[in-house]
Amino acid sequence: FRGGGEATAAVLGGNVTVGGSGYSEFAEYIKAGKMRPLAVTSG
């Protein structure tokens, strides 16, 4: 996708199986229960 906004919309709409982005871009949706986090890429 061309930006985090489009990727977020795709996840919220169920148009992708799994979405990836910086935590800050998904944080509010994770907290609201609209996305379910699987893993972070940190050590």
Full PDB file with SEQRES, HELIX, SHEET, SSBOND, CRYST1, ORIGX, SCALE, CONECT and MASTER records, all heavy atoms in Angstrom:
SEQRES   1 A   43  PHE ARG GLY GLY GLY GLU ALA THR ALA ALA VAL LEU GLY          
SEQRES   2 A   43  GLY ASN VAL THR VAL GLY GLY SER GLY TYR SER GLU PHE          
SEQRES   3 A   43  ALA GLU TYR ILE LYS ALA GLY LYS MET ARG PRO LEU ALA          
SEQRES   4 A   43  VAL THR SER GLY                                              
HELIX    1 AA1 GLY A    4  LEU A   12  1                                   9    
HELIX    2 AA2 TYR A   23  LYS A   31  1                                   9    
CRYST1    1.000    1.000    1.000  90.00  90.00  90.00 P 1           1          
ORIGX1      1.000000  0.000000  0.000000        0.00000                         
ORIGX2      0.000000  1.000000  0.000000        0.00000                         
ORIGX3      0.000000  0.000000  1.000000        0.00000                         
SCALE1      1.000000  0.000000  0.000000        0.00000                         
SCALE2      0.000000  1.000000  0.000000        0.00000                         
SCALE3      0.000000  0.000000  1.000000        0.00000                         
ATOM      1  N   PHE A   1       0.842  -1.190   0.000  1.00  0.00           N  
ATOM      2  CA  PHE A   1       0.000   0.000   0.000  1.00  0.00           C  
ATOM      3  C   PHE A   1       0.882   1.246   0.000  1.00  0.00           C  
ATOM      4  O   PHE A   1       2.042   1.198   0.399  1.00  0.00           O  
ATOM      5  CB  PHE A   1      -0.930  -0.003   1.220  1.00  0.00           C  
ATOM      6  CG  PHE A   1      -1.939  -1.115   1.203  1.00  0.00           C  
ATOM      7  CD1 PHE A   1      -1.697  -2.301   1.905  1.00  0.00           C  
ATOM      8  CD2 PHE A   1      -3.101  -1.009   0.469  1.00  0.00           C  
ATOM      9  CE1 PHE A   1      -2.603  -3.346   1.879  1.00  0.00           C  
ATOM     10  CE2 PHE A   1      -4.026  -2.048   0.433  1.00  0.00           C  
ATOM     11  CZ  PHE A   1      -3.780  -3.212   1.136  1.00  0.00           C  
ATOM     12  N   ARG A   2       0.309   2.356  -0.429  1.00  0.00           N  
ATOM     13  CA  ARG A   2       1.100   3.576  -0.590  1.00  0.00           C  
ATOM     14  C   ARG A   2       1.351   4.324   0.712  1.00  0.00           C  
ATOM     15  O   ARG A   2       2.110   5.270   0.754  1.00  0.00           O  
ATOM     16  CB  ARG A   2       0.415   4.511  -1.594  1.00  0.00           C  
ATOM     17  CG  ARG A   2       0.441   3.990  -3.016  1.00  0.00           C  
ATOM     18  CD  ARG A   2      -0.242   4.945  -3.968  1.00  0.00           C  
ATOM     19  NE  ARG A   2      -1.665   5.082  -3.666  1.00  0.00           N  
ATOM     20  CZ  ARG A   2      -2.485   5.901  -4.306  1.00  0.00           C  
ATOM     21  NH1 ARG A   2      -2.017   6.672  -5.270  1.00  0.00           N  
ATOM     22  NH2 ARG A   2      -3.768   5.954  -3.995  1.00  0.00           N  
ATOM     23  N   GLY A   3       0.718   3.897   1.762  1.00  0.00           N  
ATOM     24  CA  GLY A   3       0.934   4.556   3.046  1.00  0.00           C  
ATOM     25  C   GLY A   3       0.258   3.800   4.168  1.00  0.00           C  
ATOM     26  O   GLY A   3      -0.552   2.883   3.937  1.00  0.00           O  
ATOM     27  N   GLY A   4       0.584   4.195   5.406  1.00  0.00           N  
ATOM     28  CA  GLY A   4       0.022   3.519   6.563  1.00  0.00           C  
ATOM     29  C   GLY A   4      -1.486   3.628   6.647  1.00  0.00           C  
ATOM     30  O   GLY A   4      -2.153   2.717   7.147  1.00  0.00           O  
ATOM     31  N   GLY A   5      -2.043   4.734   6.161  1.00  0.00           N  
ATOM     32  CA  GLY A   5      -3.490   4.919   6.191  1.00  0.00           C  
ATOM     33  C   GLY A   5      -4.209   3.869   5.365  1.00  0.00           C  
ATOM     34  O   GLY A   5      -5.226   3.296   5.795  1.00  0.00           O  
ATOM     35  N   GLU A   6      -3.695   3.575   4.168  1.00  0.00           N  
ATOM     36  CA  GLU A   6      -4.300   2.572   3.301  1.00  0.00           C  
ATOM     37  C   GLU A   6      -4.144   1.174   3.898  1.00  0.00           C  
ATOM     38  O   GLU A   6      -5.070   0.354   3.836  1.00  0.00           O  
ATOM     39  CB  GLU A   6      -3.662   2.615   1.911  1.00  0.00           C  
ATOM     40  CG  GLU A   6      -4.033   3.847   1.096  1.00  0.00           C  
ATOM     41  CD  GLU A   6      -3.492   3.786  -0.326  1.00  0.00           C  
ATOM     42  OE1 GLU A   6      -2.952   2.735  -0.711  1.00  0.00           O  
ATOM     43  OE2 GLU A   6      -3.613   4.790  -1.043  1.00  0.00           O  
ATOM     44  N   ALA A   7      -2.970   0.897   4.450  1.00  0.00           N  
ATOM     45  CA  ALA A   7      -2.731  -0.413   5.066  1.00  0.00           C  
ATOM     46  C   ALA A   7      -3.671  -0.622   6.254  1.00  0.00           C  
ATOM     47  O   ALA A   7      -4.228  -1.713   6.442  1.00  0.00           O  
ATOM     48  CB  ALA A   7      -1.277  -0.532   5.509  1.00  0.00           C  
ATOM     49  N   THR A   8      -3.870   0.416   7.046  1.00  0.00           N  
ATOM     50  CA  THR A   8      -4.775   0.337   8.193  1.00  0.00           C  
ATOM     51  C   THR A   8      -6.195   0.035   7.743  1.00  0.00           C  
ATOM     52  O   THR A   8      -6.879  -0.831   8.312  1.00  0.00           O  
ATOM     53  CB  THR A   8      -4.744   1.660   8.986  1.00  0.00           C  
ATOM     54  OG1 THR A   8      -3.429   1.875   9.504  1.00  0.00           O  
ATOM     55  CG2 THR A   8      -5.737   1.634  10.139  1.00  0.00           C  
ATOM     56  N   ALA A   9      -6.647   0.732   6.695  1.00  0.00           N  
ATOM     57  CA  ALA A   9      -7.998   0.512   6.170  1.00  0.00           C  
ATOM     58  C   ALA A   9      -8.167  -0.916   5.667  1.00  0.00           C  
ATOM     59  O   ALA A   9      -9.230  -1.531   5.845  1.00  0.00           O  
ATOM     60  CB  ALA A   9      -8.292   1.508   5.050  1.00  0.00           C  
ATOM     61  N   ALA A  10      -7.115  -1.467   5.059  1.00  0.00           N  
ATOM     62  CA  ALA A  10      -7.177  -2.831   4.532  1.00  0.00           C  
ATOM     63  C   ALA A  10      -7.327  -3.847   5.662  1.00  0.00           C  
ATOM     64  O   ALA A  10      -8.079  -4.821   5.537  1.00  0.00           O  
ATOM     65  CB  ALA A  10      -5.934  -3.136   3.709  1.00  0.00           C  
ATOM     66  N   VAL A  11      -6.625  -3.618   6.758  1.00  0.00           N  
ATOM     67  CA  VAL A  11      -6.737  -4.527   7.905  1.00  0.00           C  
ATOM     68  C   VAL A  11      -8.126  -4.412   8.524  1.00  0.00           C  
ATOM     69  O   VAL A  11      -8.795  -5.421   8.797  1.00  0.00           O  
ATOM     70  CB  VAL A  11      -5.650  -4.227   8.963  1.00  0.00           C  
ATOM     71  CG1 VAL A  11      -5.844  -5.122  10.188  1.00  0.00           C  
ATOM     72  CG2 VAL A  11      -4.257  -4.434   8.387  1.00  0.00           C  
ATOM     73  N   LEU A  12      -8.568  -3.183   8.756  1.00  0.00           N  
ATOM     74  CA  LEU A  12      -9.874  -2.969   9.375  1.00  0.00           C  
ATOM     75  C   LEU A  12     -10.998  -3.551   8.523  1.00  0.00           C  
ATOM     76  O   LEU A  12     -12.003  -4.044   9.047  1.00  0.00           O  
ATOM     77  CB  LEU A  12     -10.114  -1.469   9.596  1.00  0.00           C  
ATOM     78  CG  LEU A  12      -9.225  -0.783  10.649  1.00  0.00           C  
ATOM     79  CD1 LEU A  12      -9.460   0.719  10.641  1.00  0.00           C  
ATOM     80  CD2 LEU A  12      -9.494  -1.359  12.039  1.00  0.00           C  
ATOM     81  N   GLY A  13     -10.820  -3.497   7.199  1.00  0.00           N  
ATOM     82  CA  GLY A  13     -11.838  -4.020   6.295  1.00  0.00           C  
ATOM     83  C   GLY A  13     -11.728  -5.513   6.051  1.00  0.00           C  
ATOM     84  O   GLY A  13     -12.545  -6.083   5.314  1.00  0.00           O  
ATOM     85  N   GLY A  14     -10.734  -6.165   6.647  1.00  0.00           N  
ATOM     86  CA  GLY A  14     -10.556  -7.593   6.444  1.00  0.00           C  
ATOM     87  C   GLY A  14     -10.110  -7.949   5.047  1.00  0.00           C  
ATOM     88  O   GLY A  14     -10.311  -9.079   4.582  1.00  0.00           O  
ATOM     89  N   ASN A  15      -9.474  -7.007   4.367  1.00  0.00           N  
ATOM     90  CA  ASN A  15      -9.038  -7.232   2.989  1.00  0.00           C  
ATOM     91  C   ASN A  15      -7.667  -7.888   2.899  1.00  0.00           C  
ATOM     92  O   ASN A  15      -7.209  -8.212   1.803  1.00  0.00           O  
ATOM     93  CB  ASN A  15      -9.030  -5.903   2.224  1.00  0.00           C  
ATOM     94  CG  ASN A  15     -10.414  -5.286   2.145  1.00  0.00           C  
ATOM     95  OD1 ASN A  15     -11.394  -5.992   1.912  1.00  0.00           O  
ATOM     96  ND2 ASN A  15     -10.507  -3.984   2.365  1.00  0.00           N  
ATOM     97  N   VAL A  16      -6.989  -8.028   4.026  1.00  0.00           N  
ATOM     98  CA  VAL A  16      -5.723  -8.758   4.085  1.00  0.00           C  
ATOM     99  C   VAL A  16      -5.802  -9.742   5.248  1.00  0.00           C  
ATOM    100  O   VAL A  16      -6.597  -9.564   6.183  1.00  0.00           O  
ATOM    101  CB  VAL A  16      -4.508  -7.816   4.272  1.00  0.00           C  
ATOM    102  CG1 VAL A  16      -4.335  -6.907   3.055  1.00  0.00           C  
ATOM    103  CG2 VAL A  16      -4.642  -6.985   5.539  1.00  0.00           C  
ATOM    104  N   THR A  17      -5.005 -10.784   5.190  1.00  0.00           N  
ATOM    105  CA  THR A  17      -4.997 -11.780   6.257  1.00  0.00           C  
ATOM    106  C   THR A  17      -4.296 -11.249   7.494  1.00  0.00           C  
ATOM    107  O   THR A  17      -4.745 -11.442   8.628  1.00  0.00           O  
ATOM    108  CB  THR A  17      -4.268 -13.064   5.792  1.00  0.00           C  
ATOM    109  OG1 THR A  17      -4.769 -13.463   4.525  1.00  0.00           O  
ATOM    110  CG2 THR A  17      -4.443 -14.180   6.802  1.00  0.00           C  
ATOM    111  N   VAL A  18      -3.179 -10.572   7.274  1.00  0.00           N  
ATOM    112  CA  VAL A  18      -2.365 -10.037   8.358  1.00  0.00           C  
ATOM    113  C   VAL A  18      -1.757  -8.719   7.896  1.00  0.00           C  
ATOM    114  O   VAL A  18      -1.401  -8.565   6.726  1.00  0.00           O  
ATOM    115  CB  VAL A  18      -1.261 -11.047   8.774  1.00  0.00           C  
ATOM    116  CG1 VAL A  18      -0.396 -11.433   7.591  1.00  0.00           C  
ATOM    117  CG2 VAL A  18      -0.401 -10.508   9.913  1.00  0.00           C  
ATOM    118  N   GLY A  19      -1.678  -7.751   8.793  1.00  0.00           N  
ATOM    119  CA  GLY A  19      -1.111  -6.451   8.451  1.00  0.00           C  
ATOM    120  C   GLY A  19       0.111  -6.145   9.284  1.00  0.00           C  
ATOM    121  O   GLY A  19       0.223  -6.583  10.442  1.00  0.00           O  
ATOM    122  N   GLY A  20       1.039  -5.410   8.711  1.00  0.00           N  
ATOM    123  CA  GLY A  20       2.239  -5.022   9.426  1.00  0.00           C  
ATOM    124  C   GLY A  20       2.483  -3.534   9.305  1.00  0.00           C  
ATOM    125  O   GLY A  20       2.246  -2.944   8.244  1.00  0.00           O  
ATOM    126  N   SER A  21       2.933  -2.915  10.385  1.00  0.00           N  
ATOM    127  CA  SER A  21       3.261  -1.481  10.363  1.00  0.00           C  
ATOM    128  C   SER A  21       3.944  -1.128  11.674  1.00  0.00           C  
ATOM    129  O   SER A  21       4.107  -1.975  12.557  1.00  0.00           O  
ATOM    130  CB  SER A  21       1.994  -0.645  10.182  1.00  0.00           C  
ATOM    131  OG  SER A  21       2.327   0.701   9.907  1.00  0.00           O  
ATOM    132  N   GLY A  22       4.340   0.143  11.800  1.00  0.00           N  
ATOM    133  CA  GLY A  22       4.860   0.620  13.064  1.00  0.00           C  
ATOM    134  C   GLY A  22       3.769   0.552  14.122  1.00  0.00           C  
ATOM    135  O   GLY A  22       2.592   0.793  13.824  1.00  0.00           O  
ATOM    136  N   TYR A  23       4.140   0.238  15.365  1.00  0.00           N  
ATOM    137  CA  TYR A  23       3.127   0.073  16.410  1.00  0.00           C  
ATOM    138  C   TYR A  23       2.259   1.319  16.556  1.00  0.00           C  
ATOM    139  O   TYR A  23       1.037   1.209  16.770  1.00  0.00           O  
ATOM    140  CB  TYR A  23       3.784  -0.267  17.746  1.00  0.00           C  
ATOM    141  CG  TYR A  23       2.766  -0.569  18.829  1.00  0.00           C  
ATOM    142  CD1 TYR A  23       2.213  -1.843  18.940  1.00  0.00           C  
ATOM    143  CD2 TYR A  23       2.327   0.425  19.703  1.00  0.00           C  
ATOM    144  CE1 TYR A  23       1.240  -2.109  19.903  1.00  0.00           C  
ATOM    145  CE2 TYR A  23       1.365   0.162  20.664  1.00  0.00           C  
ATOM    146  CZ  TYR A  23       0.826  -1.110  20.763  1.00  0.00           C  
ATOM    147  OH  TYR A  23      -0.147  -1.365  21.713  1.00  0.00           O  
ATOM    148  N   SER A  24       2.853   2.491  16.432  1.00  0.00           N  
ATOM    149  CA  SER A  24       2.096   3.737  16.631  1.00  0.00           C  
ATOM    150  C   SER A  24       0.939   3.871  15.650  1.00  0.00           C  
ATOM    151  O   SER A  24      -0.077   4.488  15.961  1.00  0.00           O  
ATOM    152  CB  SER A  24       3.021   4.946  16.505  1.00  0.00           C  
ATOM    153  OG  SER A  24       3.580   5.030  15.206  1.00  0.00           O  
ATOM    154  N   GLU A  25       1.071   3.278  14.455  1.00  0.00           N  
ATOM    155  CA  GLU A  25       0.029   3.400  13.438  1.00  0.00           C  
ATOM    156  C   GLU A  25      -1.173   2.505  13.727  1.00  0.00           C  
ATOM    157  O   GLU A  25      -2.290   2.786  13.298  1.00  0.00           O  
ATOM    158  CB  GLU A  25       0.610   3.092  12.063  1.00  0.00           C  
ATOM    159  CG  GLU A  25       1.670   4.104  11.624  1.00  0.00           C  
ATOM    160  CD  GLU A  25       2.287   3.753  10.283  1.00  0.00           C  
ATOM    161  OE1 GLU A  25       1.528   3.486   9.330  1.00  0.00           O  
ATOM    162  OE2 GLU A  25       3.527   3.740  10.182  1.00  0.00           O  
ATOM    163  N   PHE A  26      -0.957   1.430  14.457  1.00  0.00           N  
ATOM    164  CA  PHE A  26      -2.038   0.485  14.769  1.00  0.00           C  
ATOM    165  C   PHE A  26      -2.516   0.575  16.214  1.00  0.00           C  
ATOM    166  O   PHE A  26      -3.513  -0.056  16.581  1.00  0.00           O  
ATOM    167  CB  PHE A  26      -1.567  -0.954  14.507  1.00  0.00           C  
ATOM    168  CG  PHE A  26      -1.440  -1.321  13.048  1.00  0.00           C  
ATOM    169  CD1 PHE A  26      -0.692  -2.439  12.675  1.00  0.00           C  
ATOM    170  CD2 PHE A  26      -2.048  -0.580  12.054  1.00  0.00           C  
ATOM    171  CE1 PHE A  26      -0.580  -2.808  11.338  1.00  0.00           C  
ATOM    172  CE2 PHE A  26      -1.927  -0.927  10.707  1.00  0.00           C  
ATOM    173  CZ  PHE A  26      -1.196  -2.046  10.348  1.00  0.00           C  
ATOM    174  N   ALA A  27      -1.801   1.317  17.053  1.00  0.00           N  
ATOM    175  CA  ALA A  27      -2.030   1.300  18.501  1.00  0.00           C  
ATOM    176  C   ALA A  27      -3.478   1.563  18.895  1.00  0.00           C  
ATOM    177  O   ALA A  27      -4.061   0.822  19.706  1.00  0.00           O  
ATOM    178  CB  ALA A  27      -1.117   2.316  19.191  1.00  0.00           C  
ATOM    179  N   GLU A  28      -4.093   2.603  18.329  1.00  0.00           N  
ATOM    180  CA  GLU A  28      -5.455   2.942  18.757  1.00  0.00           C  
ATOM    181  C   GLU A  28      -6.457   1.855  18.397  1.00  0.00           C  
ATOM    182  O   GLU A  28      -7.439   1.614  19.111  1.00  0.00           O  
ATOM    183  CB  GLU A  28      -5.890   4.280  18.163  1.00  0.00           C  
ATOM    184  CG  GLU A  28      -6.021   4.314  16.656  1.00  0.00           C  
ATOM    185  CD  GLU A  28      -6.512   5.658  16.148  1.00  0.00           C  
ATOM    186  OE1 GLU A  28      -7.708   5.964  16.362  1.00  0.00           O  
ATOM    187  OE2 GLU A  28      -5.710   6.401  15.539  1.00  0.00           O  
ATOM    188  N   TYR A  29      -6.203   1.149  17.285  1.00  0.00           N  
ATOM    189  CA  TYR A  29      -7.117   0.093  16.850  1.00  0.00           C  
ATOM    190  C   TYR A  29      -6.909  -1.177  17.664  1.00  0.00           C  
ATOM    191  O   TYR A  29      -7.851  -1.928  17.911  1.00  0.00           O  
ATOM    192  CB  TYR A  29      -6.921  -0.179  15.357  1.00  0.00           C  
ATOM    193  CG  TYR A  29      -7.098   1.067  14.518  1.00  0.00           C  
ATOM    194  CD1 TYR A  29      -5.986   1.750  14.009  1.00  0.00           C  
ATOM    195  CD2 TYR A  29      -8.363   1.588  14.285  1.00  0.00           C  
ATOM    196  CE1 TYR A  29      -6.144   2.902  13.263  1.00  0.00           C  
ATOM    197  CE2 TYR A  29      -8.531   2.747  13.542  1.00  0.00           C  
ATOM    198  CZ  TYR A  29      -7.409   3.403  13.037  1.00  0.00           C  
ATOM    199  OH  TYR A  29      -7.579   4.558  12.311  1.00  0.00           O  
ATOM    200  N   ILE A  30      -5.674  -1.408  18.086  1.00  0.00           N  
ATOM    201  CA  ILE A  30      -5.394  -2.541  18.972  1.00  0.00           C  
ATOM    202  C   ILE A  30      -6.085  -2.324  20.315  1.00  0.00           C  
ATOM    203  O   ILE A  30      -6.757  -3.213  20.847  1.00  0.00           O  
ATOM    204  CB  ILE A  30      -3.870  -2.719  19.161  1.00  0.00           C  
ATOM    205  CG1 ILE A  30      -3.212  -3.175  17.851  1.00  0.00           C  
ATOM    206  CG2 ILE A  30      -3.582  -3.714  20.275  1.00  0.00           C  
ATOM    207  CD1 ILE A  30      -1.694  -3.194  17.883  1.00  0.00           C  
ATOM    208  N   LYS A  31      -5.957  -1.109  20.853  1.00  0.00           N  
ATOM    209  CA  LYS A  31      -6.561  -0.787  22.145  1.00  0.00           C  
ATOM    210  C   LYS A  31      -8.080  -0.866  22.087  1.00  0.00           C  
ATOM    211  O   LYS A  31      -8.740  -1.223  23.074  1.00  0.00           O  
ATOM    212  CB  LYS A  31      -6.111   0.603  22.601  1.00  0.00           C  
ATOM    213  CG  LYS A  31      -4.636   0.673  22.966  1.00  0.00           C  
ATOM    214  CD  LYS A  31      -4.200   2.104  23.246  1.00  0.00           C  
ATOM    215  CE  LYS A  31      -2.706   2.176  23.528  1.00  0.00           C  
ATOM    216  NZ  LYS A  31      -2.224   3.570  23.704  1.00  0.00           N  
ATOM    217  N   ALA A  32      -8.649  -0.530  20.912  1.00  0.00           N  
ATOM    218  CA  ALA A  32     -10.104  -0.548  20.750  1.00  0.00           C  
ATOM    219  C   ALA A  32     -10.646  -1.934  20.401  1.00  0.00           C  
ATOM    220  O   ALA A  32     -11.854  -2.126  20.265  1.00  0.00           O  
ATOM    221  CB  ALA A  32     -10.514   0.443  19.655  1.00  0.00           C  
ATOM    222  N   GLY A  33      -9.738  -2.912  20.246  1.00  0.00           N  
ATOM    223  CA  GLY A  33     -10.171  -4.259  19.930  1.00  0.00           C  
ATOM    224  C   GLY A  33     -10.512  -4.486  18.470  1.00  0.00           C  
ATOM    225  O   GLY A  33     -11.098  -5.516  18.109  1.00  0.00           O  
ATOM    226  N   LYS A  34     -10.128  -3.546  17.598  1.00  0.00           N  
ATOM    227  CA  LYS A  34     -10.433  -3.676  16.174  1.00  0.00           C  
ATOM    228  C   LYS A  34      -9.343  -4.420  15.412  1.00  0.00           C  
ATOM    229  O   LYS A  34      -9.526  -4.797  14.258  1.00  0.00           O  
ATOM    230  CB  LYS A  34     -10.645  -2.282  15.563  1.00  0.00           C  
ATOM    231  CG  LYS A  34     -11.857  -1.560  16.128  1.00  0.00           C  
ATOM    232  CD  LYS A  34     -12.025  -0.186  15.516  1.00  0.00           C  
ATOM    233  CE  LYS A  34     -13.252   0.519  16.073  1.00  0.00           C  
ATOM    234  NZ  LYS A  34     -13.436   1.884  15.493  1.00  0.00           N  
ATOM    235  N   MET A  35      -8.196  -4.610  16.062  1.00  0.00           N  
ATOM    236  CA  MET A  35      -7.106  -5.409  15.522  1.00  0.00           C  
ATOM    237  C   MET A  35      -6.558  -6.276  16.653  1.00  0.00           C  
ATOM    238  O   MET A  35      -6.570  -5.858  17.823  1.00  0.00           O  
ATOM    239  CB  MET A  35      -5.971  -4.526  14.985  1.00  0.00           C  
ATOM    240  CG  MET A  35      -6.314  -3.664  13.802  1.00  0.00           C  
ATOM    241  SD  MET A  35      -4.864  -2.654  13.314  1.00  0.00           S  
ATOM    242  CE  MET A  35      -5.549  -1.704  11.952  1.00  0.00           C  
ATOM    243  N   ARG A  36      -6.069  -7.460  16.289  1.00  0.00           N  
ATOM    244  CA  ARG A  36      -5.481  -8.353  17.290  1.00  0.00           C  
ATOM    245  C   ARG A  36      -3.997  -8.521  17.007  1.00  0.00           C  
ATOM    246  O   ARG A  36      -3.615  -9.039  15.957  1.00  0.00           O  
ATOM    247  CB  ARG A  36      -6.185  -9.706  17.265  1.00  0.00           C  
ATOM    248  CG  ARG A  36      -7.587  -9.643  17.852  1.00  0.00           C  
ATOM    249  CD  ARG A  36      -8.182 -11.033  18.049  1.00  0.00           C  
ATOM    250  NE  ARG A  36      -8.729 -11.591  16.831  1.00  0.00           N  
ATOM    251  CZ  ARG A  36      -8.435 -12.790  16.350  1.00  0.00           C  
ATOM    252  NH1 ARG A  36      -7.536 -13.551  16.964  1.00  0.00           N  
ATOM    253  NH2 ARG A  36      -9.015 -13.245  15.257  1.00  0.00           N  
ATOM    254  N   PRO A  37      -3.135  -8.043  17.915  1.00  0.00           N  
ATOM    255  CA  PRO A  37      -1.692  -8.112  17.677  1.00  0.00           C  
ATOM    256  C   PRO A  37      -1.157  -9.534  17.804  1.00  0.00           C  
ATOM    257  O   PRO A  37      -1.560 -10.289  18.698  1.00  0.00           O  
ATOM    258  CB  PRO A  37      -1.112  -7.194  18.750  1.00  0.00           C  
ATOM    259  CG  PRO A  37      -2.107  -7.270  19.872  1.00  0.00           C  
ATOM    260  CD  PRO A  37      -3.452  -7.407  19.209  1.00  0.00           C  
ATOM    261  N   LEU A  38      -0.232  -9.895  16.917  1.00  0.00           N  
ATOM    262  CA  LEU A  38       0.392 -11.214  16.930  1.00  0.00           C  
ATOM    263  C   LEU A  38       1.806 -11.182  17.477  1.00  0.00           C  
ATOM    264  O   LEU A  38       2.200 -12.023  18.280  1.00  0.00           O  
ATOM    265  CB  LEU A  38       0.443 -11.787  15.510  1.00  0.00           C  
ATOM    266  CG  LEU A  38      -0.856 -12.250  14.865  1.00  0.00           C  
ATOM    267  CD1 LEU A  38      -0.574 -12.693  13.439  1.00  0.00           C  
ATOM    268  CD2 LEU A  38      -1.473 -13.380  15.661  1.00  0.00           C  
ATOM    269  N   ALA A  39       2.591 -10.207  16.999  1.00  0.00           N  
ATOM    270  CA  ALA A  39       4.015 -10.187  17.362  1.00  0.00           C  
ATOM    271  C   ALA A  39       4.638  -8.855  17.003  1.00  0.00           C  
ATOM    272  O   ALA A  39       4.176  -8.165  16.079  1.00  0.00           O  
ATOM    273  CB  ALA A  39       4.759 -11.306  16.644  1.00  0.00           C  
ATOM    274  N   VAL A  40       5.698  -8.501  17.722  1.00  0.00           N  
ATOM    275  CA  VAL A  40       6.512  -7.339  17.373  1.00  0.00           C  
ATOM    276  C   VAL A  40       7.859  -7.832  16.871  1.00  0.00           C  
ATOM    277  O   VAL A  40       8.290  -8.946  17.192  1.00  0.00           O  
ATOM    278  CB  VAL A  40       6.703  -6.370  18.562  1.00  0.00           C  
ATOM    279  CG1 VAL A  40       5.407  -5.685  18.911  1.00  0.00           C  
ATOM    280  CG2 VAL A  40       7.265  -7.107  19.773  1.00  0.00           C  
ATOM    281  N   THR A  41       8.529  -7.000  16.075  1.00  0.00           N  
ATOM    282  CA  THR A  41       9.793  -7.415  15.446  1.00  0.00           C  
ATOM    283  C   THR A  41      11.025  -7.013  16.245  1.00  0.00           C  
ATOM    284  O   THR A  41      12.135  -7.041  15.730  1.00  0.00           O  
ATOM    285  CB  THR A  41       9.889  -6.823  14.025  1.00  0.00           C  
ATOM    286  OG1 THR A  41       9.892  -5.383  14.121  1.00  0.00           O  
ATOM    287  CG2 THR A  41       8.737  -7.278  13.151  1.00  0.00           C  
ATOM    288  N   SER A  42      10.815  -6.642  17.500  1.00  0.00           N  
ATOM    289  CA  SER A  42      11.939  -6.235  18.359  1.00  0.00           C  
ATOM    290  C   SER A  42      12.648  -7.452  18.935  1.00  0.00           C  
ATOM    291  O   SER A  42      12.125  -8.570  18.910  1.00  0.00           O  
ATOM    292  CB  SER A  42      11.427  -5.344  19.490  1.00  0.00           C  
ATOM    293  OG  SER A  42      10.377  -5.980  20.188  1.00  0.00           O  
ATOM    294  N   GLY A  43      13.841  -7.229  19.479  1.00  0.00           N  
ATOM    295  CA  GLY A  43      14.600  -8.311  20.087  1.00  0.00           C  
ATOM    296  C   GLY A  43      14.053  -8.730  21.434  1.00  0.00           C  
ATOM    297  O   GLY A  43      14.179  -9.877  21.846  1.00  0.00           O  
TER     298      GLY A  43                                                      
MASTER        0    0    0    2    0    0    0    6  297    1    0    4          
END                                                                             
